[in-house]
Amino acid sequence: METLVEQERVRRSDIDAVVVKTVATILTSFGIEEVDRNELRADFQHLRRWRKSVEQAQNYTFKAAITVIATGLIGAIWLGIKATLGR
């Protein structure tokens, strides 16, 4: 049993080493060195914050446009009623 556990541990560590090497190779092919991992993480975090802020701004802009249109329509209806009752 101990031998099987040890073989499984060695196999997993070999797989982990292959995966780490593969990821490092892929990042290097994109021009990202392995030592730049923290900088890459910060870049992705910044991109996520930027995307969320843009989505929030779009949401507020949509709400503001709907409010302006609704206010204009209500104002036009009010003026129409006022003009009709004023005759």
N, C-alpha and C. Protein backbone atom coordinates (compact mmCIF):
# COMPACT_ATOMS: atom_id res chain seq x y z
N MET A 1 0.82 -1.20 0.00
CA MET A 1 0.00 0.00 0.00
C MET A 1 0.87 1.26 0.00
N GLU A 2 1.91 1.24 0.83
CA GLU A 2 2.80 2.40 0.89
C GLU A 2 3.48 2.64 -0.45
N THR A 3 3.82 1.57 -1.12
CA THR A 3 4.47 1.68 -2.43
C THR A 3 3.52 2.33 -3.43
N LEU A 4 2.26 1.94 -3.41
CA LEU A 4 1.28 2.55 -4.32
C LEU A 4 1.08 4.03 -4.03
N VAL A 5 1.05 4.38 -2.76
CA VAL A 5 0.90 5.79 -2.37
C VAL A 5 2.10 6.58 -2.86
N GLU A 6 3.28 6.03 -2.68
CA GLU A 6 4.51 6.71 -3.12
C GLU A 6 4.52 6.86 -4.64
N GLN A 7 4.12 5.81 -5.37
CA GLN A 7 4.07 5.90 -6.83
C GLN A 7 3.07 6.96 -7.28
N GLU A 8 1.93 7.02 -6.60
CA GLU A 8 0.92 8.03 -6.94
C GLU A 8 1.47 9.44 -6.69
N ARG A 9 2.18 9.63 -5.59
CA ARG A 9 2.76 10.93 -5.27
C ARG A 9 3.79 11.34 -6.32
N VAL A 10 4.64 10.39 -6.72
CA VAL A 10 5.66 10.66 -7.74
C VAL A 10 4.98 10.97 -9.07
N ARG A 11 3.95 10.22 -9.40
CA ARG A 11 3.25 10.46 -10.67
C ARG A 11 2.61 11.85 -10.68
N ARG A 12 1.99 12.22 -9.57
CA ARG A 12 1.36 13.55 -9.49
C ARG A 12 2.40 14.66 -9.58
N SER A 13 3.54 14.47 -8.92
CA SER A 13 4.58 15.50 -8.98
C SER A 13 5.15 15.61 -10.39
N ASP A 14 5.25 14.49 -11.10
CA ASP A 14 5.70 14.52 -12.50
C ASP A 14 4.70 15.27 -13.37
N ILE A 15 3.42 15.00 -13.16
CA ILE A 15 2.38 15.69 -13.94
C ILE A 15 2.41 17.19 -13.64
N ASP A 16 2.55 17.54 -12.35
CA ASP A 16 2.63 18.96 -11.97
C ASP A 16 3.82 19.64 -12.65
N ALA A 17 4.96 18.97 -12.69
CA ALA A 17 6.15 19.54 -13.31
C ALA A 17 5.93 19.76 -14.80
N VAL A 18 5.29 18.81 -15.46
CA VAL A 18 5.01 18.95 -16.90
C VAL A 18 4.05 20.10 -17.15
N VAL A 19 3.03 20.22 -16.31
CA VAL A 19 2.06 21.31 -16.49
C VAL A 19 2.73 22.66 -16.28
N VAL A 20 3.52 22.80 -15.25
CA VAL A 20 4.22 24.07 -14.99
C VAL A 20 5.14 24.42 -16.15
N LYS A 21 5.86 23.44 -16.66
CA LYS A 21 6.77 23.69 -17.78
C LYS A 21 5.98 24.09 -19.03
N THR A 22 4.85 23.44 -19.27
CA THR A 22 4.01 23.76 -20.43
C THR A 22 3.47 25.17 -20.35
N VAL A 23 2.96 25.55 -19.19
CA VAL A 23 2.43 26.90 -19.01
C VAL A 23 3.53 27.93 -19.18
N ALA A 24 4.70 27.67 -18.61
CA ALA A 24 5.83 28.58 -18.77
C ALA A 24 6.23 28.72 -20.24
N THR A 25 6.21 27.62 -20.97
CA THR A 25 6.55 27.65 -22.40
C THR A 25 5.53 28.48 -23.18
N ILE A 26 4.26 28.29 -22.87
CA ILE A 26 3.21 29.04 -23.57
C ILE A 26 3.33 30.53 -23.27
N LEU A 27 3.52 30.88 -22.00
CA LEU A 27 3.66 32.29 -21.64
C LEU A 27 4.89 32.91 -22.31
N THR A 28 5.98 32.15 -22.35
CA THR A 28 7.19 32.64 -23.02
C THR A 28 6.94 32.85 -24.50
N SER A 29 6.14 31.98 -25.12
CA SER A 29 5.85 32.14 -26.55
C SER A 29 5.04 33.42 -26.81
N PHE A 30 4.30 33.88 -25.79
CA PHE A 30 3.57 35.15 -25.92
C PHE A 30 4.43 36.35 -25.53
N GLY A 31 5.67 36.09 -25.15
CA GLY A 31 6.57 37.18 -24.77
C GLY A 31 6.51 37.53 -23.30
N ILE A 32 5.93 36.65 -22.50
CA ILE A 32 5.80 36.89 -21.07
C ILE A 32 6.76 35.95 -20.35
N GLU A 33 7.73 36.53 -19.67
CA GLU A 33 8.70 35.73 -18.96
C GLU A 33 8.09 35.20 -17.66
N GLU A 34 8.64 34.10 -17.18
CA GLU A 34 8.12 33.46 -15.98
C GLU A 34 8.24 34.38 -14.76
N VAL A 35 9.24 35.25 -14.76
CA VAL A 35 9.43 36.14 -13.60
C VAL A 35 8.40 37.26 -13.58
N ASP A 36 7.66 37.43 -14.67
CA ASP A 36 6.66 38.49 -14.76
C ASP A 36 5.27 38.04 -14.30
N ARG A 37 5.18 36.95 -13.58
CA ARG A 37 3.87 36.42 -13.18
C ARG A 37 3.07 37.42 -12.35
N ASN A 38 3.73 38.05 -11.39
CA ASN A 38 3.02 39.01 -10.54
C ASN A 38 2.54 40.20 -11.35
N GLU A 39 3.38 40.64 -12.27
CA GLU A 39 2.98 41.76 -13.12
C GLU A 39 1.82 41.35 -14.03
N LEU A 40 1.86 40.15 -14.55
CA LEU A 40 0.77 39.64 -15.39
C LEU A 40 -0.52 39.54 -14.58
N ARG A 41 -0.43 39.07 -13.36
CA ARG A 41 -1.60 38.98 -12.49
C ARG A 41 -2.18 40.37 -12.24
N ALA A 42 -1.31 41.34 -11.98
CA ALA A 42 -1.77 42.71 -11.76
C ALA A 42 -2.43 43.28 -13.01
N ASP A 43 -1.88 42.95 -14.18
CA ASP A 43 -2.48 43.41 -15.44
C ASP A 43 -3.89 42.84 -15.62
N PHE A 44 -4.06 41.56 -15.34
CA PHE A 44 -5.38 40.95 -15.48
C PHE A 44 -6.37 41.51 -14.46
N GLN A 45 -5.89 41.78 -13.24
CA GLN A 45 -6.77 42.39 -12.24
C GLN A 45 -7.19 43.79 -12.68
N HIS A 46 -6.25 44.53 -13.25
CA HIS A 46 -6.58 45.87 -13.75
C HIS A 46 -7.60 45.80 -14.89
N LEU A 47 -7.40 44.86 -15.80
CA LEU A 47 -8.35 44.70 -16.90
C LEU A 47 -9.74 44.34 -16.40
N ARG A 48 -9.81 43.48 -15.39
CA ARG A 48 -11.10 43.11 -14.83
C ARG A 48 -11.77 44.32 -14.19
N ARG A 49 -11.02 45.11 -13.40
CA ARG A 49 -11.60 46.32 -12.78
C ARG A 49 -12.06 47.29 -13.85
N TRP A 50 -11.27 47.45 -14.91
CA TRP A 50 -11.63 48.35 -16.01
C TRP A 50 -12.93 47.89 -16.68
N ARG A 51 -13.05 46.59 -16.97
CA ARG A 51 -14.24 46.05 -17.60
C ARG A 51 -15.47 46.26 -16.73
N LYS A 52 -15.32 46.00 -15.44
CA LYS A 52 -16.46 46.18 -14.54
C LYS A 52 -16.87 47.65 -14.44
N SER A 53 -15.91 48.56 -14.44
CA SER A 53 -16.26 49.98 -14.36
C SER A 53 -16.93 50.45 -15.64
N VAL A 54 -16.50 49.93 -16.79
CA VAL A 54 -17.14 50.28 -18.06
C VAL A 54 -18.57 49.75 -18.09
N GLU A 55 -18.76 48.53 -17.62
CA GLU A 55 -20.12 47.96 -17.58
C GLU A 55 -21.01 48.78 -16.65
N GLN A 56 -20.47 49.22 -15.53
CA GLN A 56 -21.24 50.03 -14.59
C GLN A 56 -21.58 51.38 -15.21
N ALA A 57 -20.64 51.99 -15.91
CA ALA A 57 -20.90 53.27 -16.57
C ALA A 57 -21.98 53.10 -17.65
N GLN A 58 -21.93 52.02 -18.40
CA GLN A 58 -22.96 51.76 -19.40
C GLN A 58 -24.33 51.62 -18.75
N ASN A 59 -24.37 50.94 -17.62
CA ASN A 59 -25.62 50.75 -16.91
C ASN A 59 -26.18 52.09 -16.44
N TYR A 60 -25.33 52.94 -15.86
CA TYR A 60 -25.78 54.26 -15.42
C TYR A 60 -26.21 55.13 -16.59
N THR A 61 -25.50 55.04 -17.71
CA THR A 61 -25.85 55.83 -18.90
C THR A 61 -27.21 55.40 -19.42
N PHE A 62 -27.47 54.11 -19.47
CA PHE A 62 -28.76 53.61 -19.93
C PHE A 62 -29.88 54.10 -19.02
N LYS A 63 -29.66 54.02 -17.71
CA LYS A 63 -30.67 54.49 -16.76
C LYS A 63 -30.91 55.99 -16.92
N ALA A 64 -29.86 56.76 -17.13
CA ALA A 64 -30.01 58.21 -17.30
C ALA A 64 -30.78 58.52 -18.58
N ALA A 65 -30.49 57.81 -19.66
CA ALA A 65 -31.20 58.04 -20.92
C ALA A 65 -32.68 57.71 -20.78
N ILE A 66 -33.00 56.62 -20.13
CA ILE A 66 -34.40 56.25 -19.91
C ILE A 66 -35.10 57.31 -19.06
N THR A 67 -34.42 57.81 -18.05
CA THR A 67 -34.99 58.84 -17.18
C THR A 67 -35.27 60.12 -17.97
N VAL A 68 -34.34 60.53 -18.81
CA VAL A 68 -34.52 61.75 -19.61
C VAL A 68 -35.70 61.57 -20.57
N ILE A 69 -35.77 60.43 -21.23
CA ILE A 69 -36.87 60.18 -22.17
C ILE A 69 -38.21 60.15 -21.44
N ALA A 70 -38.27 59.46 -20.31
CA ALA A 70 -39.52 59.38 -19.55
C ALA A 70 -39.93 60.77 -19.05
N THR A 71 -38.97 61.55 -18.56
CA THR A 71 -39.28 62.89 -18.08
C THR A 71 -39.78 63.77 -19.22
N GLY A 72 -39.18 63.65 -20.39
CA GLY A 72 -39.63 64.42 -21.56
C GLY A 72 -41.05 64.05 -21.96
N LEU A 73 -41.34 62.75 -21.99
CA LEU A 73 -42.69 62.31 -22.34
C LEU A 73 -43.72 62.78 -21.31
N ILE A 74 -43.41 62.65 -20.05
CA ILE A 74 -44.33 63.10 -19.01
C ILE A 74 -44.52 64.61 -19.09
N GLY A 75 -43.46 65.35 -19.36
CA GLY A 75 -43.56 66.80 -19.53
C GLY A 75 -44.43 67.16 -20.72
N ALA A 76 -44.27 66.46 -21.83
CA ALA A 76 -45.08 66.74 -23.02
C ALA A 76 -46.55 66.42 -22.77
N ILE A 77 -46.80 65.31 -22.07
CA ILE A 77 -48.19 64.97 -21.74
C ILE A 77 -48.78 66.03 -20.81
N TRP A 78 -48.01 66.46 -19.84
CA TRP A 78 -48.48 67.50 -18.91
C TRP A 78 -48.79 68.79 -19.64
N LEU A 79 -47.92 69.19 -20.54
CA LEU A 79 -48.18 70.42 -21.31
C LEU A 79 -49.41 70.25 -22.19
N GLY A 80 -49.61 69.07 -22.76
CA GLY A 80 -50.79 68.81 -23.58
C GLY A 80 -52.06 68.89 -22.76
N ILE A 81 -52.04 68.31 -21.58
CA ILE A 81 -53.20 68.36 -20.69
C ILE A 81 -53.46 69.80 -20.25
N LYS A 82 -52.42 70.49 -19.91
CA LYS A 82 -52.53 71.89 -19.46
C LYS A 82 -53.11 72.77 -20.59
N ALA A 83 -52.63 72.56 -21.80
CA ALA A 83 -53.12 73.34 -22.93
C ALA A 83 -54.58 73.00 -23.23
N THR A 84 -54.94 71.72 -23.10
CA THR A 84 -56.31 71.30 -23.36
C THR A 84 -57.27 71.86 -22.30
N LEU A 85 -56.87 71.82 -21.07
CA LEU A 85 -57.72 72.33 -19.99
C LEU A 85 -57.77 73.85 -19.96
N GLY A 86 -56.79 74.50 -20.53
CA GLY A 86 -56.72 75.94 -20.54
C GLY A 86 -57.66 76.57 -21.55
N ARG A 87 -58.18 75.82 -22.49
CA ARG A 87 -59.07 76.37 -23.53
C ARG A 87 -60.42 76.62 -23.03
